[in-house]
């Protein structure tokens, strides 16, 4: 399972991700780009942007949620991953 920074990288990096979400959140593109760069640096994409990223078809809200859970609770594993 990918981490949030891996997902950002797989989507083409912070600049590309900023382009994906900019149309929906509006405002100055440079501000959006810096925001996405901060997500990448912190290792966490805020939940309110997950559905926007899901529209790209390259990531699901479920995957984003699982990655966030693993980041918040690194010692915890979900049942399917524990069985693997």
PDB file of N, CA and C in Angstrom:
ATOM      1  N   UNK A   1       0.843  -1.184   0.000  1.00  0.00           N
ATOM      2  CA  UNK A   1       0.000   0.000   0.000  1.00  0.00           C
ATOM      3  C   UNK A   1       0.886   1.246   0.000  1.00  0.00           C
ATOM      4  N   UNK A   2       0.510   2.206  -0.823  1.00  0.00           N
ATOM      5  CA  UNK A   2       1.311   3.422  -0.979  1.00  0.00           C
ATOM      6  C   UNK A   2       1.066   4.422   0.154  1.00  0.00           C
ATOM      7  N   UNK A   3       2.093   5.222   0.422  1.00  0.00           N
ATOM      8  CA  UNK A   3       1.957   6.337   1.357  1.00  0.00           C
ATOM      9  C   UNK A   3       1.424   7.544   0.581  1.00  0.00           C
ATOM     10  N   UNK A   4       1.012   8.580   1.296  1.00  0.00           N
ATOM     11  CA  UNK A   4       0.545   9.783   0.604  1.00  0.00           C
ATOM     12  C   UNK A   4       1.630  10.396  -0.290  1.00  0.00           C
ATOM     13  N   UNK A   5       2.897  10.497   0.167  1.00  0.00           N
ATOM     14  CA  UNK A   5       3.923  11.008  -0.750  1.00  0.00           C
ATOM     15  C   UNK A   5       4.121  10.119  -1.990  1.00  0.00           C
ATOM     16  N   UNK A   6       4.000   8.809  -1.828  1.00  0.00           N
ATOM     17  CA  UNK A   6       4.108   7.916  -2.988  1.00  0.00           C
ATOM     18  C   UNK A   6       2.956   8.151  -3.959  1.00  0.00           C
ATOM     19  N   UNK A   7       1.775   8.380  -3.414  1.00  0.00           N
ATOM     20  CA  UNK A   7       0.610   8.653  -4.260  1.00  0.00           C
ATOM     21  C   UNK A   7       0.825   9.951  -5.031  1.00  0.00           C
ATOM     22  N   UNK A   8       1.307  10.997  -4.345  1.00  0.00           N
ATOM     23  CA  UNK A   8       1.583  12.274  -5.021  1.00  0.00           C
ATOM     24  C   UNK A   8       2.610  12.056  -6.129  1.00  0.00           C
ATOM     25  N   UNK A   9       3.645  11.294  -5.857  1.00  0.00           N
ATOM     26  CA  UNK A   9       4.660  11.002  -6.860  1.00  0.00           C
ATOM     27  C   UNK A   9       4.064  10.240  -8.037  1.00  0.00           C
ATOM     28  N   UNK A  10       3.252   9.224  -7.752  1.00  0.00           N
ATOM     29  CA  UNK A  10       2.641   8.418  -8.808  1.00  0.00           C
ATOM     30  C   UNK A  10       1.665   9.227  -9.665  1.00  0.00           C
ATOM     31  N   UNK A  11       1.088  10.281  -9.084  1.00  0.00           N
ATOM     32  CA  UNK A  11       0.185  11.148  -9.842  1.00  0.00           C
ATOM     33  C   UNK A  11       0.941  12.192 -10.664  1.00  0.00           C
ATOM     34  N   UNK A  12       2.277  12.190 -10.570  1.00  0.00           N
ATOM     35  CA  UNK A  12       3.085  13.093 -11.372  1.00  0.00           C
ATOM     36  C   UNK A  12       3.815  14.158 -10.581  1.00  0.00           C
ATOM     37  N   UNK A  13       3.722  14.097  -9.264  1.00  0.00           N
ATOM     38  CA  UNK A  13       4.413  15.053  -8.412  1.00  0.00           C
ATOM     39  C   UNK A  13       3.523  16.206  -7.974  1.00  0.00           C
ATOM     40  N   UNK A  14       4.026  17.039  -7.072  1.00  0.00           N
ATOM     41  CA  UNK A  14       3.221  18.133  -6.519  1.00  0.00           C
ATOM     42  C   UNK A  14       2.659  19.103  -7.563  1.00  0.00           C
ATOM     43  N   UNK A  15       3.432  19.409  -8.593  1.00  0.00           N
ATOM     44  CA  UNK A  15       2.954  20.340  -9.610  1.00  0.00           C
ATOM     45  C   UNK A  15       1.760  19.769 -10.360  1.00  0.00           C
ATOM     46  N   UNK A  16       1.846  18.508 -10.743  1.00  0.00           N
ATOM     47  CA  UNK A  16       0.752  17.837 -11.458  1.00  0.00           C
ATOM     48  C   UNK A  16      -0.477  17.717 -10.556  1.00  0.00           C
ATOM     49  N   UNK A  17      -0.274  17.343  -9.295  1.00  0.00           N
ATOM     50  CA  UNK A  17      -1.399  17.213  -8.354  1.00  0.00           C
ATOM     51  C   UNK A  17      -2.054  18.571  -8.144  1.00  0.00           C
ATOM     52  N   UNK A  18      -1.256  19.625  -8.059  1.00  0.00           N
ATOM     53  CA  UNK A  18      -1.824  20.971  -7.928  1.00  0.00           C
ATOM     54  C   UNK A  18      -2.729  21.279  -9.114  1.00  0.00           C
ATOM     55  N   UNK A  19      -2.309  20.877 -10.295  1.00  0.00           N
ATOM     56  CA  UNK A  19      -3.133  21.075 -11.483  1.00  0.00           C
ATOM     57  C   UNK A  19      -4.438  20.293 -11.420  1.00  0.00           C
ATOM     58  N   UNK A  20      -4.387  19.095 -10.829  1.00  0.00           N
ATOM     59  CA  UNK A  20      -5.587  18.265 -10.722  1.00  0.00           C
ATOM     60  C   UNK A  20      -6.626  18.884  -9.786  1.00  0.00           C
ATOM     61  N   UNK A  21      -6.174  19.481  -8.701  1.00  0.00           N
ATOM     62  CA  UNK A  21      -7.122  19.989  -7.693  1.00  0.00           C
ATOM     63  C   UNK A  21      -7.420  21.479  -7.844  1.00  0.00           C
ATOM     64  N   UNK A  22      -6.588  22.210  -8.572  1.00  0.00           N
ATOM     65  CA  UNK A  22      -6.744  23.662  -8.661  1.00  0.00           C
ATOM     66  C   UNK A  22      -8.110  24.086  -9.201  1.00  0.00           C
ATOM     67  N   UNK A  23      -8.578  23.433 -10.241  1.00  0.00           N
ATOM     68  CA  UNK A  23      -9.859  23.819 -10.845  1.00  0.00           C
ATOM     69  C   UNK A  23     -11.005  23.721  -9.842  1.00  0.00           C
ATOM     70  N   UNK A  24     -10.927  22.764  -8.931  1.00  0.00           N
ATOM     71  CA  UNK A  24     -12.002  22.567  -7.966  1.00  0.00           C
ATOM     72  C   UNK A  24     -11.884  23.464  -6.739  1.00  0.00           C
ATOM     73  N   UNK A  25     -10.653  23.800  -6.342  1.00  0.00           N
ATOM     74  CA  UNK A  25     -10.523  24.605  -5.127  1.00  0.00           C
ATOM     75  C   UNK A  25     -10.295  26.074  -5.437  1.00  0.00           C
ATOM     76  N   UNK A  26      -9.908  26.387  -6.681  1.00  0.00           N
ATOM     77  CA  UNK A  26      -9.760  27.773  -7.100  1.00  0.00           C
ATOM     78  C   UNK A  26      -8.611  28.491  -6.425  1.00  0.00           C
ATOM     79  N   UNK A  27      -8.631  29.803  -6.555  1.00  0.00           N
ATOM     80  CA  UNK A  27      -7.584  30.617  -5.972  1.00  0.00           C
ATOM     81  C   UNK A  27      -6.349  30.676  -6.848  1.00  0.00           C
ATOM     82  N   UNK A  28      -5.315  31.241  -6.301  1.00  0.00           N
ATOM     83  CA  UNK A  28      -4.047  31.411  -6.997  1.00  0.00           C
ATOM     84  C   UNK A  28      -3.349  30.050  -7.146  1.00  0.00           C
ATOM     85  N   UNK A  29      -2.943  29.716  -8.371  1.00  0.00           N
ATOM     86  CA  UNK A  29      -2.312  28.423  -8.608  1.00  0.00           C
ATOM     87  C   UNK A  29      -1.056  28.250  -7.767  1.00  0.00           C
ATOM     88  N   UNK A  30      -0.280  29.300  -7.600  1.00  0.00           N
ATOM     89  CA  UNK A  30       0.961  29.199  -6.833  1.00  0.00           C
ATOM     90  C   UNK A  30       0.675  28.830  -5.377  1.00  0.00           C
ATOM     91  N   UNK A  31      -0.399  29.341  -4.822  1.00  0.00           N
ATOM     92  CA  UNK A  31      -0.795  28.998  -3.455  1.00  0.00           C
ATOM     93  C   UNK A  31      -1.175  27.516  -3.382  1.00  0.00           C
ATOM     94  N   UNK A  32      -1.918  27.047  -4.375  1.00  0.00           N
ATOM     95  CA  UNK A  32      -2.310  25.636  -4.422  1.00  0.00           C
ATOM     96  C   UNK A  32      -1.074  24.757  -4.559  1.00  0.00           C
ATOM     97  N   UNK A  33      -0.133  25.153  -5.417  1.00  0.00           N
ATOM     98  CA  UNK A  33       1.089  24.377  -5.604  1.00  0.00           C
ATOM     99  C   UNK A  33       1.870  24.269  -4.296  1.00  0.00           C
ATOM    100  N   UNK A  34       1.977  25.367  -3.573  1.00  0.00           N
ATOM    101  CA  UNK A  34       2.685  25.346  -2.292  1.00  0.00           C
ATOM    102  C   UNK A  34       1.951  24.471  -1.277  1.00  0.00           C
ATOM    103  N   UNK A  35       0.627  24.492  -1.314  1.00  0.00           N
ATOM    104  CA  UNK A  35      -0.166  23.659  -0.414  1.00  0.00           C
ATOM    105  C   UNK A  35       0.108  22.184  -0.685  1.00  0.00           C
ATOM    106  N   UNK A  36       0.095  21.798  -1.962  1.00  0.00           N
ATOM    107  CA  UNK A  36       0.352  20.399  -2.317  1.00  0.00           C
ATOM    108  C   UNK A  36       1.787  20.019  -1.961  1.00  0.00           C
ATOM    109  N   UNK A  37       2.721  20.920  -2.155  1.00  0.00           N
ATOM    110  CA  UNK A  37       4.109  20.657  -1.751  1.00  0.00           C
ATOM    111  C   UNK A  37       4.167  20.395  -0.241  1.00  0.00           C
ATOM    112  N   UNK A  38       3.415  21.149   0.537  1.00  0.00           N
ATOM    113  CA  UNK A  38       3.382  20.954   1.994  1.00  0.00           C
ATOM    114  C   UNK A  38       2.782  19.590   2.345  1.00  0.00           C
ATOM    115  N   UNK A  39       1.757  19.152   1.606  1.00  0.00           N
ATOM    116  CA  UNK A  39       1.196  17.816   1.848  1.00  0.00           C
ATOM    117  C   UNK A  39       2.272  16.769   1.643  1.00  0.00           C
ATOM    118  N   UNK A  40       3.013  16.920   0.548  1.00  0.00           N
ATOM    119  CA  UNK A  40       4.061  15.960   0.221  1.00  0.00           C
ATOM    120  C   UNK A  40       5.140  15.945   1.302  1.00  0.00           C
ATOM    121  N   UNK A  41       5.554  17.130   1.729  1.00  0.00           N
ATOM    122  CA  UNK A  41       6.604  17.233   2.747  1.00  0.00           C
ATOM    123  C   UNK A  41       6.160  16.678   4.097  1.00  0.00           C
ATOM    124  N   UNK A  42       4.888  16.877   4.435  1.00  0.00           N
ATOM    125  CA  UNK A  42       4.381  16.398   5.729  1.00  0.00           C
ATOM    126  C   UNK A  42       3.983  14.929   5.675  1.00  0.00           C
ATOM    127  N   UNK A  43       3.832  14.394   4.458  1.00  0.00           N
ATOM    128  CA  UNK A  43       3.431  12.990   4.312  1.00  0.00           C
ATOM    129  C   UNK A  43       1.954  12.759   4.510  1.00  0.00           C
ATOM    130  N   UNK A  44       1.146  13.824   4.376  1.00  0.00           N
ATOM    131  CA  UNK A  44      -0.280  13.695   4.655  1.00  0.00           C
ATOM    132  C   UNK A  44      -1.110  14.596   3.748  1.00  0.00           C
ATOM    133  N   UNK A  45      -2.032  13.991   3.014  1.00  0.00           N
ATOM    134  CA  UNK A  45      -2.977  14.736   2.192  1.00  0.00           C
ATOM    135  C   UNK A  45      -4.243  14.918   3.028  1.00  0.00           C
ATOM    136  N   UNK A  46      -4.691  16.147   3.260  1.00  0.00           N
ATOM    137  CA  UNK A  46      -5.905  16.364   4.057  1.00  0.00           C
ATOM    138  C   UNK A  46      -7.124  15.685   3.432  1.00  0.00           C
ATOM    139  N   UNK A  47      -7.974  15.142   4.278  1.00  0.00           N
ATOM    140  CA  UNK A  47      -9.138  14.383   3.836  1.00  0.00           C
ATOM    141  C   UNK A  47     -10.080  15.126   2.923  1.00  0.00           C
ATOM    142  N   UNK A  48     -10.180  16.445   3.082  1.00  0.00           N
ATOM    143  CA  UNK A  48     -11.133  17.184   2.246  1.00  0.00           C
ATOM    144  C   UNK A  48     -10.738  17.197   0.769  1.00  0.00           C
ATOM    145  N   UNK A  49      -9.527  16.749   0.439  1.00  0.00           N
ATOM    146  CA  UNK A  49      -9.067  16.716  -0.955  1.00  0.00           C
ATOM    147  C   UNK A  49      -9.096  15.314  -1.562  1.00  0.00           C
ATOM    148  N   UNK A  50      -9.420  14.319  -0.779  1.00  0.00           N
ATOM    149  CA  UNK A  50      -9.369  12.942  -1.259  1.00  0.00           C
ATOM    150  C   UNK A  50     -10.289  12.685  -2.439  1.00  0.00           C
ATOM    151  N   UNK A  51     -11.534  13.176  -2.393  1.00  0.00           N
ATOM    152  CA  UNK A  51     -12.453  12.918  -3.509  1.00  0.00           C
ATOM    153  C   UNK A  51     -11.984  13.606  -4.784  1.00  0.00           C
ATOM    154  N   UNK A  52     -11.333  14.761  -4.651  1.00  0.00           N
ATOM    155  CA  UNK A  52     -10.786  15.430  -5.832  1.00  0.00           C
ATOM    156  C   UNK A  52      -9.699  14.567  -6.473  1.00  0.00           C
ATOM    157  N   UNK A  53      -8.856  13.958  -5.666  1.00  0.00           N
ATOM    158  CA  UNK A  53      -7.800  13.093  -6.189  1.00  0.00           C
ATOM    159  C   UNK A  53      -8.370  11.787  -6.727  1.00  0.00           C
ATOM    160  N   UNK A  54      -9.433  11.303  -6.117  1.00  0.00           N
ATOM    161  CA  UNK A  54     -10.058  10.070  -6.594  1.00  0.00           C
ATOM    162  C   UNK A  54     -10.567  10.246  -8.029  1.00  0.00           C
ATOM    163  N   UNK A  55     -11.009  11.434  -8.362  1.00  0.00           N
ATOM    164  CA  UNK A  55     -11.500  11.704  -9.726  1.00  0.00           C
ATOM    165  C   UNK A  55     -10.435  11.467 -10.790  1.00  0.00           C
ATOM    166  N   UNK A  56      -9.169  11.509 -10.401  1.00  0.00           N
ATOM    167  CA  UNK A  56      -8.092  11.256 -11.364  1.00  0.00           C
ATOM    168  C   UNK A  56      -8.110   9.809 -11.839  1.00  0.00           C
ATOM    169  N   UNK A  57      -8.726   8.935 -11.048  1.00  0.00           N
ATOM    170  CA  UNK A  57      -8.773   7.522 -11.392  1.00  0.00           C
ATOM    171  C   UNK A  57      -7.542   6.748 -10.966  1.00  0.00           C
ATOM    172  N   UNK A  58      -6.559   7.437 -10.404  1.00  0.00           N
ATOM    173  CA  UNK A  58      -5.305   6.780 -10.033  1.00  0.00           C
ATOM    174  C   UNK A  58      -5.231   6.408  -8.563  1.00  0.00           C
ATOM    175  N   UNK A  59      -6.216   6.817  -7.781  1.00  0.00           N
ATOM    176  CA  UNK A  59      -6.210   6.542  -6.348  1.00  0.00           C
ATOM    177  C   UNK A  59      -7.652   6.539  -5.856  1.00  0.00           C
ATOM    178  N   UNK A  60      -7.930   5.737  -4.853  1.00  0.00           N
ATOM    179  CA  UNK A  60      -9.272   5.706  -4.270  1.00  0.00           C
ATOM    180  C   UNK A  60      -9.257   6.366  -2.895  1.00  0.00           C
ATOM    181  N   UNK A  61     -10.421   6.802  -2.483  1.00  0.00           N
ATOM    182  CA  UNK A  61     -10.557   7.354  -1.135  1.00  0.00           C
ATOM    183  C   UNK A  61     -10.170   6.295  -0.111  1.00  0.00           C
ATOM    184  N   UNK A  62     -10.510   5.042  -0.380  1.00  0.00           N
ATOM    185  CA  UNK A  62     -10.171   3.957   0.548  1.00  0.00           C
ATOM    186  C   UNK A  62      -8.656   3.829   0.711  1.00  0.00           C
ATOM    187  N   UNK A  63      -7.912   3.917  -0.397  1.00  0.00           N
ATOM    188  CA  UNK A  63      -6.452   3.822  -0.302  1.00  0.00           C
ATOM    189  C   UNK A  63      -5.874   5.008   0.464  1.00  0.00           C
ATOM    190  N   UNK A  64      -6.383   6.209   0.199  1.00  0.00           N
ATOM    191  CA  UNK A  64      -5.927   7.395   0.918  1.00  0.00           C
ATOM    192  C   UNK A  64      -6.209   7.263   2.417  1.00  0.00           C
ATOM    193  N   UNK A  65      -7.394   6.747   2.755  1.00  0.00           N
ATOM    194  CA  UNK A  65      -7.759   6.573   4.163  1.00  0.00           C
ATOM    195  C   UNK A  65      -6.861   5.539   4.849  1.00  0.00           C
ATOM    196  N   UNK A  66      -6.586   4.443   4.164  1.00  0.00           N
ATOM    197  CA  UNK A  66      -5.710   3.420   4.744  1.00  0.00           C
ATOM    198  C   UNK A  66      -4.300   3.953   4.956  1.00  0.00           C
ATOM    199  N   UNK A  67      -3.820   4.740   3.998  1.00  0.00           N
ATOM    200  CA  UNK A  67      -2.479   5.325   4.139  1.00  0.00           C
ATOM    201  C   UNK A  67      -2.446   6.296   5.315  1.00  0.00           C
ATOM    202  N   UNK A  68      -3.510   7.072   5.478  1.00  0.00           N
ATOM    203  CA  UNK A  68      -3.578   8.014   6.609  1.00  0.00           C
ATOM    204  C   UNK A  68      -3.622   7.265   7.932  1.00  0.00           C
ATOM    205  N   UNK A  69      -4.376   6.171   7.960  1.00  0.00           N
ATOM    206  CA  UNK A  69      -4.456   5.374   9.190  1.00  0.00           C
ATOM    207  C   UNK A  69      -3.088   4.778   9.534  1.00  0.00           C
ATOM    208  N   UNK A  70      -2.385   4.249   8.533  1.00  0.00           N
ATOM    209  CA  UNK A  70      -1.056   3.668   8.786  1.00  0.00           C
ATOM    210  C   UNK A  70      -0.072   4.727   9.270  1.00  0.00           C
ATOM    211  N   UNK A  71      -0.205   5.952   8.769  1.00  0.00           N
ATOM    212  CA  UNK A  71       0.687   7.025   9.208  1.00  0.00           C
ATOM    213  C   UNK A  71       0.382   7.408  10.660  1.00  0.00           C
ATOM    214  N   UNK A  72      -0.901   7.461  10.993  1.00  0.00           N
ATOM    215  CA  UNK A  72      -1.298   7.867  12.340  1.00  0.00           C
ATOM    216  C   UNK A  72      -1.059   6.757  13.356  1.00  0.00           C
ATOM    217  N   UNK A  73      -1.280   5.514  12.939  1.00  0.00           N
ATOM    218  CA  UNK A  73      -1.119   4.356  13.824  1.00  0.00           C
ATOM    219  C   UNK A  73      -0.175   3.346  13.171  1.00  0.00           C
ATOM    220  N   UNK A  74       1.122   3.613  13.157  1.00  0.00           N
ATOM    221  CA  UNK A  74       2.060   2.752  12.419  1.00  0.00           C
ATOM    222  C   UNK A  74       2.146   1.317  12.936  1.00  0.00           C
ATOM    223  N   UNK A  75       1.787   1.078  14.179  1.00  0.00           N
ATOM    224  CA  UNK A  75       1.864  -0.274  14.730  1.00  0.00           C
ATOM    225  C   UNK A  75       0.616  -1.095  14.445  1.00  0.00           C
ATOM    226  N   UNK A  76      -0.409  -0.456  13.946  1.00  0.00           N
ATOM    227  CA  UNK A  76      -1.679  -1.119  13.682  1.00  0.00           C
ATOM    228  C   UNK A  76      -1.729  -1.564  12.224  1.00  0.00           C
ATOM    229  N   UNK A  77      -2.210  -2.784  11.993  1.00  0.00           N
ATOM    230  CA  UNK A  77      -2.404  -3.274  10.629  1.00  0.00           C
ATOM    231  C   UNK A  77      -3.845  -3.687  10.477  1.00  0.00           C
ATOM    232  N   UNK A  78      -4.380  -3.471   9.282  1.00  0.00           N
ATOM    233  CA  UNK A  78      -5.735  -3.932   9.018  1.00  0.00           C
ATOM    234  C   UNK A  78      -5.705  -5.442   8.803  1.00  0.00           C
ATOM    235  N   UNK A  79      -6.835  -6.083   8.951  1.00  0.00           N
ATOM    236  CA  UNK A  79      -6.926  -7.538   8.871  1.00  0.00           C
ATOM    237  C   UNK A  79      -6.378  -8.109   7.555  1.00  0.00           C
ATOM    238  N   UNK A  80      -6.779  -7.555   6.366  1.00  0.00           N
ATOM    239  CA  UNK A  80      -6.246  -8.136   5.127  1.00  0.00           C
ATOM    240  C   UNK A  80      -4.723  -8.048   5.017  1.00  0.00           C
ATOM    241  N   UNK A  81      -4.120  -6.956   5.471  1.00  0.00           N
ATOM    242  CA  UNK A  81      -2.683  -6.820   5.387  1.00  0.00           C
ATOM    243  C   UNK A  81      -2.002  -7.755   6.367  1.00  0.00           C
ATOM    244  N   UNK A  82      -2.604  -7.959   7.546  1.00  0.00           N
ATOM    245  CA  UNK A  82      -2.018  -8.837   8.557  1.00  0.00           C
ATOM    246  C   UNK A  82      -2.002 -10.281   8.065  1.00  0.00           C
ATOM    247  N   UNK A  83      -2.997 -10.655   7.251  1.00  0.00           N
ATOM    248  CA  UNK A  83      -3.096 -12.024   6.759  1.00  0.00           C
ATOM    249  C   UNK A  83      -2.093 -12.271   5.621  1.00  0.00           C
ATOM    250  N   UNK A  84      -1.617 -11.237   4.993  1.00  0.00           N
ATOM    251  CA  UNK A  84      -0.708 -11.385   3.839  1.00  0.00           C
ATOM    252  C   UNK A  84       0.653 -11.894   4.245  1.00  0.00           C
TER     253      UNK A  84
END
